[in-house]
Protein backbone atom coordinates (compact mmCIF):
# COMPACT_ATOMS: atom_id res chain seq x y z
CA UNK A 1 5.25 -8.66 15.28
CA UNK A 2 5.50 -6.46 12.57
CA UNK A 3 3.42 -4.22 13.61
CA UNK A 4 5.08 -4.01 17.29
CA UNK A 5 7.83 -2.79 15.55
CA UNK A 6 6.30 -0.52 13.12
CA UNK A 7 5.12 1.47 16.38
CA UNK A 8 8.35 1.27 17.83
CA UNK A 9 9.97 2.90 14.45
CA UNK A 10 6.94 5.74 14.30
CA UNK A 11 7.23 6.08 18.47
CA UNK A 12 11.57 6.48 17.95
CA UNK A 13 11.03 9.15 14.69
CA UNK A 14 8.78 11.33 16.46
CA UNK A 15 11.12 11.39 19.58
CA UNK A 16 14.21 11.23 17.49
CA UNK A 17 15.59 14.84 17.62
CA UNK A 18 16.68 14.04 20.82
CA UNK A 19 19.20 11.12 20.21
CA UNK A 20 22.69 11.93 19.27
CA UNK A 21 24.44 11.21 16.28
CA UNK A 22 25.65 7.86 16.52
CA UNK A 23 22.46 6.97 18.34
CA UNK A 24 20.54 8.25 14.48
CA UNK A 25 23.35 6.22 12.61
CA UNK A 26 23.23 3.27 14.52
CA UNK A 27 18.25 3.63 14.70
CA UNK A 28 18.67 4.18 10.53
CA UNK A 29 20.77 0.83 10.17
CA UNK A 30 19.70 -1.38 12.69
CA UNK A 31 18.01 -4.74 12.51
CA UNK A 32 14.52 -3.29 13.31
CA UNK A 33 14.30 -1.21 10.26
CA UNK A 34 14.74 -4.44 7.35
CA UNK A 35 10.76 -5.54 7.64
CA UNK A 36 9.70 -1.83 7.50
CA UNK A 37 12.80 -1.65 3.95
CA UNK A 38 11.23 -5.12 2.93
CA UNK A 39 7.72 -3.97 2.83
CA UNK A 40 8.83 -0.34 1.48
CA UNK A 41 9.96 -2.43 -1.28
CA UNK A 42 7.44 -5.25 -2.40
CA UNK A 43 5.21 -1.83 -2.29
CA UNK A 44 7.77 0.21 -4.33
CA UNK A 45 7.87 -2.39 -7.12
CA UNK A 46 4.00 -3.20 -6.73
CA UNK A 47 3.46 0.25 -7.87
CA UNK A 48 6.52 0.25 -10.37
CA UNK A 49 4.88 -2.17 -12.64
CA UNK A 50 1.28 -1.02 -11.92
CA UNK A 51 2.09 2.02 -13.75
CA UNK A 52 4.88 0.35 -16.26
CA UNK A 53 1.37 -1.47 -17.60
CA UNK A 54 -1.18 1.73 -17.11
CA UNK A 55 1.68 3.98 -19.29
CA UNK A 56 1.97 1.26 -21.77
CA UNK A 57 -2.40 0.62 -22.24
CA UNK A 58 -2.42 3.86 -22.79
CA UNK A 59 0.53 4.20 -25.15
CA UNK A 60 -1.07 1.51 -27.23
CA UNK A 61 -4.61 3.31 -27.11
CA UNK A 62 -3.14 6.62 -28.08
CA UNK A 63 -1.15 4.55 -31.30
CA UNK A 64 -4.30 3.30 -32.14
CA UNK A 65 -6.67 6.36 -31.83
CA UNK A 66 -3.61 8.32 -34.22
CA UNK A 67 -3.89 5.05 -36.48
CA UNK A 68 -7.40 4.48 -36.44
CA UNK A 69 -7.66 8.50 -37.68
CA UNK A 70 -5.34 8.92 -39.76
CA UNK A 71 -7.21 5.91 -41.81
CA UNK A 72 -9.93 7.27 -41.49
CA UNK A 73 -8.42 11.12 -42.86
CA UNK A 74 -7.24 9.14 -46.01
CA UNK A 75 -10.90 7.27 -46.77
CA UNK A 76 -13.04 9.83 -46.41
CA UNK A 77 -15.81 7.53 -48.52
CA UNK A 78 -16.04 6.02 -45.25
CA UNK A 79 -17.48 8.40 -43.87
CA UNK A 80 -20.50 7.98 -46.39
CA UNK A 81 -20.88 4.46 -44.79
CA UNK A 82 -22.25 5.75 -41.41
CA UNK A 83 -25.55 6.17 -42.43
CA UNK A 84 -26.30 2.45 -44.16
CA UNK A 85 -24.30 1.75 -40.75
CA UNK A 86 -27.00 3.23 -38.14
CA UNK A 87 -29.86 1.55 -41.06
CA UNK A 88 -28.44 -1.65 -40.67
CA UNK A 89 -28.43 -1.36 -36.44
CA UNK A 90 -31.82 0.63 -36.41
CA UNK A 91 -33.22 -2.39 -38.50
CA UNK A 92 -31.49 -5.03 -36.69
CA UNK A 93 -32.91 -3.48 -32.91
CA UNK A 94 -36.06 -3.60 -34.87
CA UNK A 95 -36.71 -7.06 -35.66
CA UNK A 96 -34.66 -8.75 -33.57
CA UNK A 97 -34.08 -6.75 -30.43
CA UNK A 98 -37.54 -6.78 -28.90
CA UNK A 99 -36.27 -8.02 -25.73
CA UNK A 100 -33.93 -4.98 -25.45
CA UNK A 101 -37.19 -2.49 -25.40
CA UNK A 102 -37.19 -2.65 -21.71
CA UNK A 103 -33.57 -1.82 -21.34
CA UNK A 104 -32.14 -2.15 -17.67
CA UNK A 105 -36.10 -2.98 -16.40
CA UNK A 106 -35.98 -6.34 -17.89
CA UNK A 107 -31.93 -6.57 -16.14
CA UNK A 108 -33.79 -5.92 -13.16
CA UNK A 109 -36.63 -8.60 -13.93
CA UNK A 110 -33.49 -11.07 -15.10
CA UNK A 111 -32.42 -10.64 -11.33
CA UNK A 112 -34.81 -10.85 -8.89
CA UNK A 113 -36.61 -13.89 -11.42
CA UNK A 114 -34.47 -15.89 -13.40
CA UNK A 115 -36.12 -17.40 -16.56
CA UNK A 116 -33.72 -20.68 -16.45
């Protein structure tokens, strides 16, 4: 029924220029416009909610990035620990990461023939 009303509304909008002013007023404020208005209101609220959520997450990320940058600039000794961190990661892969040497092929093999 709603799609029929949408089609009727679209048909009336296309030929709106042939209506008189009173007919246009009756059309815009008629009962058949309520489902379209509710549909529009639903999507406006969904988009508004998603926009606020995405904007808040983006603002939080930018604030945390600014905080991390300020902390790193005020503690320059952290930069000297980067090679040590790289060495720890490299050694852990060397000793404990023998199963990840295959990389993406390991994922494909596990998918096609699961061990468990």
